[in-house]
Amino acid sequence: GYCIGLVPAGLAAAAGSPAPVLLGGLVLWSLAQGATPLAADAGLPALLACRALMGVGESACVPALQLVAATLVPAPFRSRFWGVLSACFSVGTMAAYVLTPAIIGAAGWESAFLVFA
């Protein structure tokens, strides 16, 4: 899903404002993340479709953020902007590795998808 949505999202963000593309991507990403346990119960095709939709939503965020950076962040600060943003992504990933076992232990595997949605 990520590869499918990346170019269309970039074109949509460039054609207008990146804000609706970013918001739409975040909403789709979160809804698909939260729906993953239901899709898993429905079977493999539903699970794969749900995760593909999540990838489409996630893919909208990168080109929209790149356009925001290109238009709103002054050129001398863009590398710092991307450095901080990349660090935040890594911190979020590390936090998920630490928190997910506790969430699953307390409320089951399905709850992890809802918490991170």
PDB file of N, CA and C in Angstrom:
ATOM      1  N   GLY A   1       0.804  -1.188   0.000  1.00  0.00           N
ATOM      2  CA  GLY A   1       0.000   0.000   0.000  1.00  0.00           C
ATOM      3  C   GLY A   1       0.850   1.255   0.000  1.00  0.00           C
ATOM      4  N   TYR A   2       1.989   1.195   0.694  1.00  0.00           N
ATOM      5  CA  TYR A   2       2.840   2.375   0.805  1.00  0.00           C
ATOM      6  C   TYR A   2       3.332   2.804  -0.571  1.00  0.00           C
ATOM      7  N   CYS A   3       3.822   1.857  -1.357  1.00  0.00           N
ATOM      8  CA  CYS A   3       4.351   2.183  -2.684  1.00  0.00           C
ATOM      9  C   CYS A   3       3.251   2.677  -3.615  1.00  0.00           C
ATOM     10  N   ILE A   4       2.062   2.139  -3.482  1.00  0.00           N
ATOM     11  CA  ILE A   4       0.948   2.531  -4.343  1.00  0.00           C
ATOM     12  C   ILE A   4       0.526   3.971  -4.073  1.00  0.00           C
ATOM     13  N   GLY A   5       0.533   4.386  -2.822  1.00  0.00           N
ATOM     14  CA  GLY A   5       0.012   5.695  -2.472  1.00  0.00           C
ATOM     15  C   GLY A   5       1.003   6.827  -2.496  1.00  0.00           C
ATOM     16  N   LEU A   6       2.283   6.539  -2.546  1.00  0.00           N
ATOM     17  CA  LEU A   6       3.310   7.572  -2.390  1.00  0.00           C
ATOM     18  C   LEU A   6       3.258   8.635  -3.489  1.00  0.00           C
ATOM     19  N   VAL A   7       3.277   8.229  -4.749  1.00  0.00           N
ATOM     20  CA  VAL A   7       3.288   9.194  -5.852  1.00  0.00           C
ATOM     21  C   VAL A   7       1.962   9.948  -5.946  1.00  0.00           C
ATOM     22  N   PRO A   8       0.803   9.269  -5.909  1.00  0.00           N
ATOM     23  CA  PRO A   8      -0.447  10.035  -5.957  1.00  0.00           C
ATOM     24  C   PRO A   8      -0.589  11.030  -4.800  1.00  0.00           C
ATOM     25  N   ALA A   9      -0.127  10.656  -3.632  1.00  0.00           N
ATOM     26  CA  ALA A   9      -0.197  11.576  -2.490  1.00  0.00           C
ATOM     27  C   ALA A   9       0.701  12.778  -2.716  1.00  0.00           C
ATOM     28  N   GLY A  10       1.878  12.555  -3.259  1.00  0.00           N
ATOM     29  CA  GLY A  10       2.780  13.662  -3.559  1.00  0.00           C
ATOM     30  C   GLY A  10       2.194  14.600  -4.593  1.00  0.00           C
ATOM     31  N   LEU A  11       1.578  14.045  -5.623  1.00  0.00           N
ATOM     32  CA  LEU A  11       0.947  14.876  -6.651  1.00  0.00           C
ATOM     33  C   LEU A  11      -0.227  15.657  -6.078  1.00  0.00           C
ATOM     34  N   ALA A  12      -1.012  15.014  -5.230  1.00  0.00           N
ATOM     35  CA  ALA A  12      -2.153  15.702  -4.610  1.00  0.00           C
ATOM     36  C   ALA A  12      -1.684  16.820  -3.693  1.00  0.00           C
ATOM     37  N   ALA A  13      -0.641  16.573  -2.929  1.00  0.00           N
ATOM     38  CA  ALA A  13      -0.118  17.606  -2.028  1.00  0.00           C
ATOM     39  C   ALA A  13       0.448  18.777  -2.819  1.00  0.00           C
ATOM     40  N   ALA A  14       1.113  18.488  -3.936  1.00  0.00           N
ATOM     41  CA  ALA A  14       1.707  19.546  -4.754  1.00  0.00           C
ATOM     42  C   ALA A  14       0.649  20.332  -5.520  1.00  0.00           C
ATOM     43  N   ALA A  15      -0.466  19.688  -5.846  1.00  0.00           N
ATOM     44  CA  ALA A  15      -1.520  20.355  -6.614  1.00  0.00           C
ATOM     45  C   ALA A  15      -2.307  21.350  -5.773  1.00  0.00           C
ATOM     46  N   GLY A  16      -2.307  21.165  -4.488  1.00  0.00           N
ATOM     47  CA  GLY A  16      -3.051  22.059  -3.603  1.00  0.00           C
ATOM     48  C   GLY A  16      -2.279  22.239  -2.317  1.00  0.00           C
ATOM     49  N   SER A  17      -3.007  22.237  -1.243  1.00  0.00           N
ATOM     50  CA  SER A  17      -2.387  22.358   0.078  1.00  0.00           C
ATOM     51  C   SER A  17      -1.997  20.972   0.590  1.00  0.00           C
ATOM     52  N   PRO A  18      -0.848  20.857   1.236  1.00  0.00           N
ATOM     53  CA  PRO A  18      -0.487  19.555   1.795  1.00  0.00           C
ATOM     54  C   PRO A  18      -1.314  19.183   3.027  1.00  0.00           C
ATOM     55  N   ALA A  19      -1.980  20.159   3.639  1.00  0.00           N
ATOM     56  CA  ALA A  19      -2.718  19.891   4.878  1.00  0.00           C
ATOM     57  C   ALA A  19      -3.799  18.830   4.710  1.00  0.00           C
ATOM     58  N   PRO A  20      -4.687  18.905   3.697  1.00  0.00           N
ATOM     59  CA  PRO A  20      -5.701  17.856   3.570  1.00  0.00           C
ATOM     60  C   PRO A  20      -5.111  16.486   3.260  1.00  0.00           C
ATOM     61  N   VAL A  21      -4.005  16.464   2.511  1.00  0.00           N
ATOM     62  CA  VAL A  21      -3.353  15.186   2.199  1.00  0.00           C
ATOM     63  C   VAL A  21      -2.788  14.579   3.478  1.00  0.00           C
ATOM     64  N   LEU A  22      -2.137  15.404   4.278  1.00  0.00           N
ATOM     65  CA  LEU A  22      -1.574  14.932   5.545  1.00  0.00           C
ATOM     66  C   LEU A  22      -2.679  14.466   6.487  1.00  0.00           C
ATOM     67  N   LEU A  23      -3.730  15.258   6.617  1.00  0.00           N
ATOM     68  CA  LEU A  23      -4.843  14.883   7.496  1.00  0.00           C
ATOM     69  C   LEU A  23      -5.520  13.607   7.010  1.00  0.00           C
ATOM     70  N   GLY A  24      -5.791  13.532   5.715  1.00  0.00           N
ATOM     71  CA  GLY A  24      -6.419  12.326   5.168  1.00  0.00           C
ATOM     72  C   GLY A  24      -5.559  11.096   5.371  1.00  0.00           C
ATOM     73  N   GLY A  25      -4.258  11.249   5.177  1.00  0.00           N
ATOM     74  CA  GLY A  25      -3.347  10.126   5.392  1.00  0.00           C
ATOM     75  C   GLY A  25      -3.338   9.669   6.832  1.00  0.00           C
ATOM     76  N   LEU A  26      -3.295  10.628   7.748  1.00  0.00           N
ATOM     77  CA  LEU A  26      -3.294  10.274   9.176  1.00  0.00           C
ATOM     78  C   LEU A  26      -4.590   9.595   9.588  1.00  0.00           C
ATOM     79  N   VAL A  27      -5.715  10.082   9.064  1.00  0.00           N
ATOM     80  CA  VAL A  27      -7.011   9.477   9.399  1.00  0.00           C
ATOM     81  C   VAL A  27      -7.082   8.054   8.857  1.00  0.00           C
ATOM     82  N   LEU A  28      -6.726   7.866   7.578  1.00  0.00           N
ATOM     83  CA  LEU A  28      -6.762   6.524   6.989  1.00  0.00           C
ATOM     84  C   LEU A  28      -5.801   5.586   7.707  1.00  0.00           C
ATOM     85  N   TRP A  29      -4.605   6.064   7.998  1.00  0.00           N
ATOM     86  CA  TRP A  29      -3.598   5.286   8.705  1.00  0.00           C
ATOM     87  C   TRP A  29      -4.139   4.835  10.055  1.00  0.00           C
ATOM     88  N   SER A  30      -4.723   5.750  10.812  1.00  0.00           N
ATOM     89  CA  SER A  30      -5.233   5.432  12.151  1.00  0.00           C
ATOM     90  C   SER A  30      -6.432   4.498  12.099  1.00  0.00           C
ATOM     91  N   LEU A  31      -7.364   4.750  11.169  1.00  0.00           N
ATOM     92  CA  LEU A  31      -8.535   3.873  11.058  1.00  0.00           C
ATOM     93  C   LEU A  31      -8.126   2.452  10.677  1.00  0.00           C
ATOM     94  N   ALA A  32      -7.216   2.332   9.730  1.00  0.00           N
ATOM     95  CA  ALA A  32      -6.769   0.998   9.319  1.00  0.00           C
ATOM     96  C   ALA A  32      -6.008   0.304  10.442  1.00  0.00           C
ATOM     97  N   GLN A  33      -5.202   1.055  11.168  1.00  0.00           N
ATOM     98  CA  GLN A  33      -4.479   0.483  12.315  1.00  0.00           C
ATOM     99  C   GLN A  33      -5.473  -0.038  13.351  1.00  0.00           C
ATOM    100  N   GLY A  34      -6.472   0.768  13.680  1.00  0.00           N
ATOM    101  CA  GLY A  34      -7.462   0.364  14.674  1.00  0.00           C
ATOM    102  C   GLY A  34      -8.341  -0.786  14.213  1.00  0.00           C
ATOM    103  N   ALA A  35      -8.554  -0.893  12.895  1.00  0.00           N
ATOM    104  CA  ALA A  35      -9.411  -1.952  12.354  1.00  0.00           C
ATOM    105  C   ALA A  35      -8.671  -3.268  12.143  1.00  0.00           C
ATOM    106  N   THR A  36      -7.379  -3.289  12.331  1.00  0.00           N
ATOM    107  CA  THR A  36      -6.592  -4.490  12.068  1.00  0.00           C
ATOM    108  C   THR A  36      -7.081  -5.721  12.834  1.00  0.00           C
ATOM    109  N   PRO A  37      -7.398  -5.630  14.135  1.00  0.00           N
ATOM    110  CA  PRO A  37      -7.897  -6.833  14.812  1.00  0.00           C
ATOM    111  C   PRO A  37      -9.200  -7.364  14.212  1.00  0.00           C
ATOM    112  N   LEU A  38     -10.100  -6.468  13.816  1.00  0.00           N
ATOM    113  CA  LEU A  38     -11.345  -6.913  13.177  1.00  0.00           C
ATOM    114  C   LEU A  38     -11.057  -7.575  11.837  1.00  0.00           C
ATOM    115  N   ALA A  39     -10.138  -6.999  11.088  1.00  0.00           N
ATOM    116  CA  ALA A  39      -9.770  -7.574   9.798  1.00  0.00           C
ATOM    117  C   ALA A  39      -9.121  -8.943   9.983  1.00  0.00           C
ATOM    118  N   ALA A  40      -8.308  -9.093  11.017  1.00  0.00           N
ATOM    119  CA  ALA A  40      -7.663 -10.383  11.281  1.00  0.00           C
ATOM    120  C   ALA A  40      -8.708 -11.452  11.579  1.00  0.00           C
ATOM    121  N   ASP A  41      -9.755 -11.071  12.309  1.00  0.00           N
ATOM    122  CA  ASP A  41     -10.836 -12.017  12.599  1.00  0.00           C
ATOM    123  C   ASP A  41     -11.608 -12.403  11.342  1.00  0.00           C
ATOM    124  N   ALA A  42     -11.648 -11.491  10.367  1.00  0.00           N
ATOM    125  CA  ALA A  42     -12.395 -11.745   9.133  1.00  0.00           C
ATOM    126  C   ALA A  42     -11.631 -12.636   8.159  1.00  0.00           C
ATOM    127  N   GLY A  43     -10.343 -12.794   8.355  1.00  0.00           N
ATOM    128  CA  GLY A  43      -9.563 -13.660   7.480  1.00  0.00           C
ATOM    129  C   GLY A  43      -8.405 -12.939   6.821  1.00  0.00           C
ATOM    130  N   LEU A  44      -7.556 -13.725   6.185  1.00  0.00           N
ATOM    131  CA  LEU A  44      -6.328 -13.192   5.598  1.00  0.00           C
ATOM    132  C   LEU A  44      -6.576 -12.133   4.523  1.00  0.00           C
ATOM    133  N   PRO A  45      -7.515 -12.325   3.589  1.00  0.00           N
ATOM    134  CA  PRO A  45      -7.721 -11.271   2.583  1.00  0.00           C
ATOM    135  C   PRO A  45      -8.114  -9.925   3.209  1.00  0.00           C
ATOM    136  N   ALA A  46      -8.968  -9.958   4.208  1.00  0.00           N
ATOM    137  CA  ALA A  46      -9.369  -8.714   4.879  1.00  0.00           C
ATOM    138  C   ALA A  46      -8.193  -8.096   5.623  1.00  0.00           C
ATOM    139  N   LEU A  47      -7.388  -8.926   6.255  1.00  0.00           N
ATOM    140  CA  LEU A  47      -6.218  -8.418   6.970  1.00  0.00           C
ATOM    141  C   LEU A  47      -5.231  -7.766   6.001  1.00  0.00           C
ATOM    142  N   LEU A  48      -4.967  -8.424   4.885  1.00  0.00           N
ATOM    143  CA  LEU A  48      -4.043  -7.860   3.898  1.00  0.00           C
ATOM    144  C   LEU A  48      -4.576  -6.552   3.325  1.00  0.00           C
ATOM    145  N   ALA A  49      -5.875  -6.492   3.056  1.00  0.00           N
ATOM    146  CA  ALA A  49      -6.479  -5.262   2.540  1.00  0.00           C
ATOM    147  C   ALA A  49      -6.385  -4.139   3.566  1.00  0.00           C
ATOM    148  N   CYS A  50      -6.632  -4.460   4.810  1.00  0.00           N
ATOM    149  CA  CYS A  50      -6.565  -3.465   5.879  1.00  0.00           C
ATOM    150  C   CYS A  50      -5.154  -2.920   6.022  1.00  0.00           C
ATOM    151  N   ARG A  51      -4.178  -3.795   6.001  1.00  0.00           N
ATOM    152  CA  ARG A  51      -2.790  -3.350   6.138  1.00  0.00           C
ATOM    153  C   ARG A  51      -2.329  -2.585   4.890  1.00  0.00           C
ATOM    154  N   ALA A  52      -2.853  -2.945   3.717  1.00  0.00           N
ATOM    155  CA  ALA A  52      -2.539  -2.180   2.505  1.00  0.00           C
ATOM    156  C   ALA A  52      -3.115  -0.770   2.610  1.00  0.00           C
ATOM    157  N   LEU A  53      -4.339  -0.649   3.126  1.00  0.00           N
ATOM    158  CA  LEU A  53      -4.926   0.678   3.340  1.00  0.00           C
ATOM    159  C   LEU A  53      -4.106   1.485   4.335  1.00  0.00           C
ATOM    160  N   MET A  54      -3.602   0.818   5.352  1.00  0.00           N
ATOM    161  CA  MET A  54      -2.750   1.514   6.307  1.00  0.00           C
ATOM    162  C   MET A  54      -1.506   2.055   5.605  1.00  0.00           C
ATOM    163  N   GLY A  55      -0.931   1.274   4.721  1.00  0.00           N
ATOM    164  CA  GLY A  55       0.228   1.726   3.965  1.00  0.00           C
ATOM    165  C   GLY A  55      -0.081   2.914   3.070  1.00  0.00           C
ATOM    166  N   VAL A  56      -1.257   2.916   2.458  1.00  0.00           N
ATOM    167  CA  VAL A  56      -1.670   4.054   1.632  1.00  0.00           C
ATOM    168  C   VAL A  56      -1.777   5.310   2.495  1.00  0.00           C
ATOM    169  N   GLY A  57      -2.387   5.176   3.662  1.00  0.00           N
ATOM    170  CA  GLY A  57      -2.500   6.328   4.560  1.00  0.00           C
ATOM    171  C   GLY A  57      -1.146   6.810   5.036  1.00  0.00           C
ATOM    172  N   GLU A  58      -0.293   5.884   5.391  1.00  0.00           N
ATOM    173  CA  GLU A  58       1.051   6.245   5.863  1.00  0.00           C
ATOM    174  C   GLU A  58       1.853   6.925   4.757  1.00  0.00           C
ATOM    175  N   SER A  59       1.693   6.441   3.536  1.00  0.00           N
ATOM    176  CA  SER A  59       2.469   6.992   2.421  1.00  0.00           C
ATOM    177  C   SER A  59       2.108   8.437   2.111  1.00  0.00           C
ATOM    178  N   ALA A  60       0.923   8.870   2.470  1.00  0.00           N
ATOM    179  CA  ALA A  60       0.519  10.256   2.203  1.00  0.00           C
ATOM    180  C   ALA A  60       1.282  11.243   3.080  1.00  0.00           C
ATOM    181  N   CYS A  61       1.766  10.791   4.198  1.00  0.00           N
ATOM    182  CA  CYS A  61       2.395  11.703   5.160  1.00  0.00           C
ATOM    183  C   CYS A  61       3.765  12.196   4.709  1.00  0.00           C
ATOM    184  N   VAL A  62       4.568  11.353   4.104  1.00  0.00           N
ATOM    185  CA  VAL A  62       5.934  11.743   3.740  1.00  0.00           C
ATOM    186  C   VAL A  62       5.955  12.850   2.685  1.00  0.00           C
ATOM    187  N   PRO A  63       5.258  12.703   1.543  1.00  0.00           N
ATOM    188  CA  PRO A  63       5.317  13.796   0.575  1.00  0.00           C
ATOM    189  C   PRO A  63       4.663  15.077   1.089  1.00  0.00           C
ATOM    190  N   ALA A  64       3.623  14.946   1.896  1.00  0.00           N
ATOM    191  CA  ALA A  64       2.990  16.143   2.458  1.00  0.00           C
ATOM    192  C   ALA A  64       3.948  16.854   3.408  1.00  0.00           C
ATOM    193  N   LEU A  65       4.649  16.096   4.238  1.00  0.00           N
ATOM    194  CA  LEU A  65       5.632  16.711   5.139  1.00  0.00           C
ATOM    195  C   LEU A  65       6.799  17.328   4.368  1.00  0.00           C
ATOM    196  N   GLN A  66       7.193  16.704   3.277  1.00  0.00           N
ATOM    197  CA  GLN A  66       8.271  17.277   2.468  1.00  0.00           C
ATOM    198  C   GLN A  66       7.853  18.616   1.875  1.00  0.00           C
ATOM    199  N   LEU A  67       6.605  18.710   1.435  1.00  0.00           N
ATOM    200  CA  LEU A  67       6.116  19.972   0.888  1.00  0.00           C
ATOM    201  C   LEU A  67       5.996  21.032   1.975  1.00  0.00           C
ATOM    202  N   VAL A  68       5.543  20.632   3.159  1.00  0.00           N
ATOM    203  CA  VAL A  68       5.486  21.568   4.287  1.00  0.00           C
ATOM    204  C   VAL A  68       6.884  22.094   4.590  1.00  0.00           C
ATOM    205  N   ALA A  69       7.842  21.200   4.641  1.00  0.00           N
ATOM    206  CA  ALA A  69       9.216  21.619   4.935  1.00  0.00           C
ATOM    207  C   ALA A  69       9.749  22.557   3.858  1.00  0.00           C
ATOM    208  N   ALA A  70       9.452  22.247   2.607  1.00  0.00           N
ATOM    209  CA  ALA A  70       9.961  23.068   1.507  1.00  0.00           C
ATOM    210  C   ALA A  70       9.345  24.462   1.493  1.00  0.00           C
ATOM    211  N   THR A  71       8.111  24.579   1.975  1.00  0.00           N
ATOM    212  CA  THR A  71       7.435  25.877   1.913  1.00  0.00           C
ATOM    213  C   THR A  71       7.477  26.657   3.221  1.00  0.00           C
ATOM    214  N   LEU A  72       7.515  25.983   4.349  1.00  0.00           N
ATOM    215  CA  LEU A  72       7.412  26.685   5.627  1.00  0.00           C
ATOM    216  C   LEU A  72       8.708  26.755   6.429  1.00  0.00           C
ATOM    217  N   VAL A  73       9.587  25.800   6.218  1.00  0.00           N
ATOM    218  CA  VAL A  73      10.832  25.773   6.993  1.00  0.00           C
ATOM    219  C   VAL A  73      11.916  26.489   6.182  1.00  0.00           C
ATOM    220  N   PRO A  74      12.527  27.521   6.743  1.00  0.00           N
ATOM    221  CA  PRO A  74      13.592  28.218   6.015  1.00  0.00           C
ATOM    222  C   PRO A  74      14.726  27.258   5.631  1.00  0.00           C
ATOM    223  N   ALA A  75      15.286  27.466   4.462  1.00  0.00           N
ATOM    224  CA  ALA A  75      16.309  26.570   3.910  1.00  0.00           C
ATOM    225  C   ALA A  75      17.434  26.235   4.890  1.00  0.00           C
ATOM    226  N   PRO A  76      17.960  27.199   5.654  1.00  0.00           N
ATOM    227  CA  PRO A  76      19.061  26.842   6.564  1.00  0.00           C
ATOM    228  C   PRO A  76      18.657  25.879   7.689  1.00  0.00           C
ATOM    229  N   PHE A  77      17.356  25.737   7.934  1.00  0.00           N
ATOM    230  CA  PHE A  77      16.891  24.898   9.044  1.00  0.00           C
ATOM    231  C   PHE A  77      16.268  23.581   8.582  1.00  0.00           C
ATOM    232  N   ARG A  78      16.196  23.356   7.282  1.00  0.00           N
ATOM    233  CA  ARG A  78      15.519  22.148   6.790  1.00  0.00           C
ATOM    234  C   ARG A  78      16.223  20.875   7.210  1.00  0.00           C
ATOM    235  N   SER A  79      17.533  20.846   7.186  1.00  0.00           N
ATOM    236  CA  SER A  79      18.238  19.619   7.594  1.00  0.00           C
ATOM    237  C   SER A  79      17.996  19.342   9.073  1.00  0.00           C
ATOM    238  N   ARG A  80      17.944  20.383   9.878  1.00  0.00           N
ATOM    239  CA  ARG A  80      17.646  20.211  11.305  1.00  0.00           C
ATOM    240  C   ARG A  80      16.207  19.710  11.485  1.00  0.00           C
ATOM    241  N   PHE A  81      15.283  20.278  10.717  1.00  0.00           N
ATOM    242  CA  PHE A  81      13.882  19.846  10.758  1.00  0.00           C
ATOM    243  C   PHE A  81      13.780  18.350  10.491  1.00  0.00           C
ATOM    244  N   TRP A  82      14.429  17.888   9.400  1.00  0.00           N
ATOM    245  CA  TRP A  82      14.360  16.468   9.061  1.00  0.00           C
ATOM    246  C   TRP A  82      15.104  15.603  10.069  1.00  0.00           C
ATOM    247  N   GLY A  83      16.178  16.124  10.627  1.00  0.00           N
ATOM    248  CA  GLY A  83      16.897  15.383  11.664  1.00  0.00           C
ATOM    249  C   GLY A  83      16.051  15.166  12.901  1.00  0.00           C
ATOM    250  N   VAL A  84      15.380  16.225  13.344  1.00  0.00           N
ATOM    251  CA  VAL A  84      14.507  16.111  14.518  1.00  0.00           C
ATOM    252  C   VAL A  84      13.331  15.198  14.215  1.00  0.00           C
ATOM    253  N   LEU A  85      12.727  15.360  13.034  1.00  0.00           N
ATOM    254  CA  LEU A  85      11.588  14.520  12.670  1.00  0.00           C
ATOM    255  C   LEU A  85      11.993  13.050  12.606  1.00  0.00           C
ATOM    256  N   SER A  86      13.133  12.767  12.007  1.00  0.00           N
ATOM    257  CA  SER A  86      13.619  11.384  11.933  1.00  0.00           C
ATOM    258  C   SER A  86      13.913  10.823  13.320  1.00  0.00           C
ATOM    259  N   ALA A  87      14.468  11.636  14.186  1.00  0.00           N
ATOM    260  CA  ALA A  87      14.723  11.193  15.561  1.00  0.00           C
ATOM    261  C   ALA A  87      13.417  10.873  16.272  1.00  0.00           C
ATOM    262  N   CYS A  88      12.406  11.695  16.041  1.00  0.00           N
ATOM    263  CA  CYS A  88      11.101  11.441  16.668  1.00  0.00           C
ATOM    264  C   CYS A  88      10.507  10.127  16.180  1.00  0.00           C
ATOM    265  N   PHE A  89      10.642   9.845  14.872  1.00  0.00           N
ATOM    266  CA  PHE A  89      10.161   8.563  14.357  1.00  0.00           C
ATOM    267  C   PHE A  89      10.868   7.410  15.062  1.00  0.00           C
ATOM    268  N   SER A  90      12.172   7.534  15.240  1.00  0.00           N
ATOM    269  CA  SER A  90      12.942   6.476  15.900  1.00  0.00           C
ATOM    270  C   SER A  90      12.564   6.330  17.368  1.00  0.00           C
ATOM    271  N   VAL A  91      12.357   7.440  18.051  1.00  0.00           N
ATOM    272  CA  VAL A  91      11.945   7.386  19.457  1.00  0.00           C
ATOM    273  C   VAL A  91      10.577   6.721  19.571  1.00  0.00           C
ATOM    274  N   GLY A  92       9.672   7.055  18.655  1.00  0.00           N
ATOM    275  CA  GLY A  92       8.354   6.422  18.661  1.00  0.00           C
ATOM    276  C   GLY A  92       8.434   4.923  18.451  1.00  0.00           C
ATOM    277  N   THR A  93       9.291   4.514  17.540  1.00  0.00           N
ATOM    278  CA  THR A  93       9.479   3.082  17.292  1.00  0.00           C
ATOM    279  C   THR A  93      10.045   2.382  18.522  1.00  0.00           C
ATOM    280  N   MET A  94      11.042   2.983  19.143  1.00  0.00           N
ATOM    281  CA  MET A  94      11.626   2.382  20.351  1.00  0.00           C
ATOM    282  C   MET A  94      10.603   2.321  21.483  1.00  0.00           C
ATOM    283  N   ALA A  95       9.798   3.358  21.634  1.00  0.00           N
ATOM    284  CA  ALA A  95       8.767   3.359  22.672  1.00  0.00           C
ATOM    285  C   ALA A  95       7.754   2.249  22.414  1.00  0.00           C
ATOM    286  N   ALA A  96       7.409   2.041  21.148  1.00  0.00           N
ATOM    287  CA  ALA A  96       6.468   0.970  20.823  1.00  0.00           C
ATOM    288  C   ALA A  96       7.041  -0.397  21.180  1.00  0.00           C
ATOM    289  N   TYR A  97       8.342  -0.592  20.931  1.00  0.00           N
ATOM    290  CA  TYR A  97       8.973  -1.868  21.291  1.00  0.00           C
ATOM    291  C   TYR A  97       8.908  -2.116  22.796  1.00  0.00           C
ATOM    292  N   VAL A  98       9.016  -1.069  23.572  1.00  0.00           N
ATOM    293  CA  VAL A  98       8.991  -1.202  25.030  1.00  0.00           C
ATOM    294  C   VAL A  98       7.561  -1.361  25.540  1.00  0.00           C
ATOM    295  N   LEU A  99       6.636  -0.565  24.999  1.00  0.00           N
ATOM    296  CA  LEU A  99       5.270  -0.535  25.527  1.00  0.00           C
ATOM    297  C   LEU A  99       4.387  -1.680  25.041  1.00  0.00           C
ATOM    298  N   THR A 100       4.612  -2.157  23.831  1.00  0.00           N
ATOM    299  CA  THR A 100       3.713  -3.156  23.259  1.00  0.00           C
ATOM    300  C   THR A 100       3.597  -4.423  24.107  1.00  0.00           C
ATOM    301  N   PRO A 101       4.671  -5.019  24.599  1.00  0.00           N
ATOM    302  CA  PRO A 101       4.493  -6.213  25.443  1.00  0.00           C
ATOM    303  C   PRO A 101       3.641  -5.943  26.684  1.00  0.00           C
ATOM    304  N   ALA A 102       3.806  -4.776  27.294  1.00  0.00           N
ATOM    305  CA  ALA A 102       3.006  -4.454  28.478  1.00  0.00           C
ATOM    306  C   ALA A 102       1.538  -4.285  28.107  1.00  0.00           C
ATOM    307  N   ILE A 103       1.273  -3.648  26.978  1.00  0.00           N
ATOM    308  CA  ILE A 103      -0.111  -3.459  26.529  1.00  0.00           C
ATOM    309  C   ILE A 103      -0.751  -4.807  26.236  1.00  0.00           C
ATOM    310  N   ILE A 104      -0.026  -5.666  25.528  1.00  0.00           N
ATOM    311  CA  ILE A 104      -0.554  -6.990  25.199  1.00  0.00           C
ATOM    312  C   ILE A 104      -0.781  -7.806  26.464  1.00  0.00           C
ATOM    313  N   GLY A 105       0.156  -7.739  27.400  1.00  0.00           N
ATOM    314  CA  GLY A 105       0.005  -8.476  28.657  1.00  0.00           C
ATOM    315  C   GLY A 105      -1.190  -8.012  29.466  1.00  0.00           C
ATOM    316  N   ALA A 106      -1.484  -6.731  29.410  1.00  0.00           N
ATOM    317  CA  ALA A 106      -2.585  -6.187  30.204  1.00  0.00           C
ATOM    318  C   ALA A 106      -3.939  -6.341  29.532  1.00  0.00           C
ATOM    319  N   ALA A 107      -3.982  -6.249  28.189  1.00  0.00           N
ATOM    320  CA  ALA A 107      -5.294  -6.188  27.546  1.00  0.00           C
ATOM    321  C   ALA A 107      -5.415  -7.008  26.266  1.00  0.00           C
ATOM    322  N   GLY A 108      -4.431  -7.832  25.935  1.00  0.00           N
ATOM    323  CA  GLY A 108      -4.521  -8.659  24.737  1.00  0.00           C
ATOM    324  C   GLY A 108      -3.895  -7.993  23.523  1.00  0.00           C
ATOM    325  N   TRP A 109      -3.583  -8.817  22.514  1.00  0.00           N
ATOM    326  CA  TRP A 109      -2.872  -8.314  21.345  1.00  0.00           C
ATOM    327  C   TRP A 109      -3.669  -7.290  20.569  1.00  0.00           C
ATOM    328  N   GLU A 110      -5.000  -7.434  20.561  1.00  0.00           N
ATOM    329  CA  GLU A 110      -5.832  -6.500  19.811  1.00  0.00           C
ATOM    330  C   GLU A 110      -5.690  -5.074  20.334  1.00  0.00           C
ATOM    331  N   SER A 111      -5.522  -4.959  21.636  1.00  0.00           N
ATOM    332  CA  SER A 111      -5.458  -3.632  22.253  1.00  0.00           C
ATOM    333  C   SER A 111      -4.251  -2.831  21.779  1.00  0.00           C
ATOM    334  N   ALA A 112      -3.169  -3.502  21.433  1.00  0.00           N
ATOM    335  CA  ALA A 112      -1.979  -2.781  20.960  1.00  0.00           C
ATOM    336  C   ALA A 112      -2.293  -2.009  19.683  1.00  0.00           C
ATOM    337  N   PHE A 113      -3.085  -2.592  18.802  1.00  0.00           N
ATOM    338  CA  PHE A 113      -3.452  -1.898  17.567  1.00  0.00           C
ATOM    339  C   PHE A 113      -4.335  -0.692  17.858  1.00  0.00           C
ATOM    340  N   LEU A 114      -5.206  -0.826  18.839  1.00  0.00           N
ATOM    341  CA  LEU A 114      -6.081   0.298  19.194  1.00  0.00           C
ATOM    342  C   LEU A 114      -5.305   1.417  19.871  1.00  0.00           C
ATOM    343  N   VAL A 115      -4.386   1.071  20.747  1.00  0.00           N
ATOM    344  CA  VAL A 115      -3.591   2.088  21.442  1.00  0.00           C
ATOM    345  C   VAL A 115      -2.756   2.881  20.444  1.00  0.00           C
ATOM    346  N   PHE A 116      -2.155   2.198  19.486  1.00  0.00           N
ATOM    347  CA  PHE A 116      -1.275   2.879  18.540  1.00  0.00           C
ATOM    348  C   PHE A 116      -2.014   3.473  17.349  1.00  0.00           C
ATOM    349  N   ALA A 117      -3.330   3.266  17.291  1.00  0.00           N
ATOM    350  CA  ALA A 117      -4.117   3.889  16.210  1.00  0.00           C
ATOM    351  C   ALA A 117      -4.180   5.367  16.464  1.00  0.00           C
TER     352      ALA A 117
END
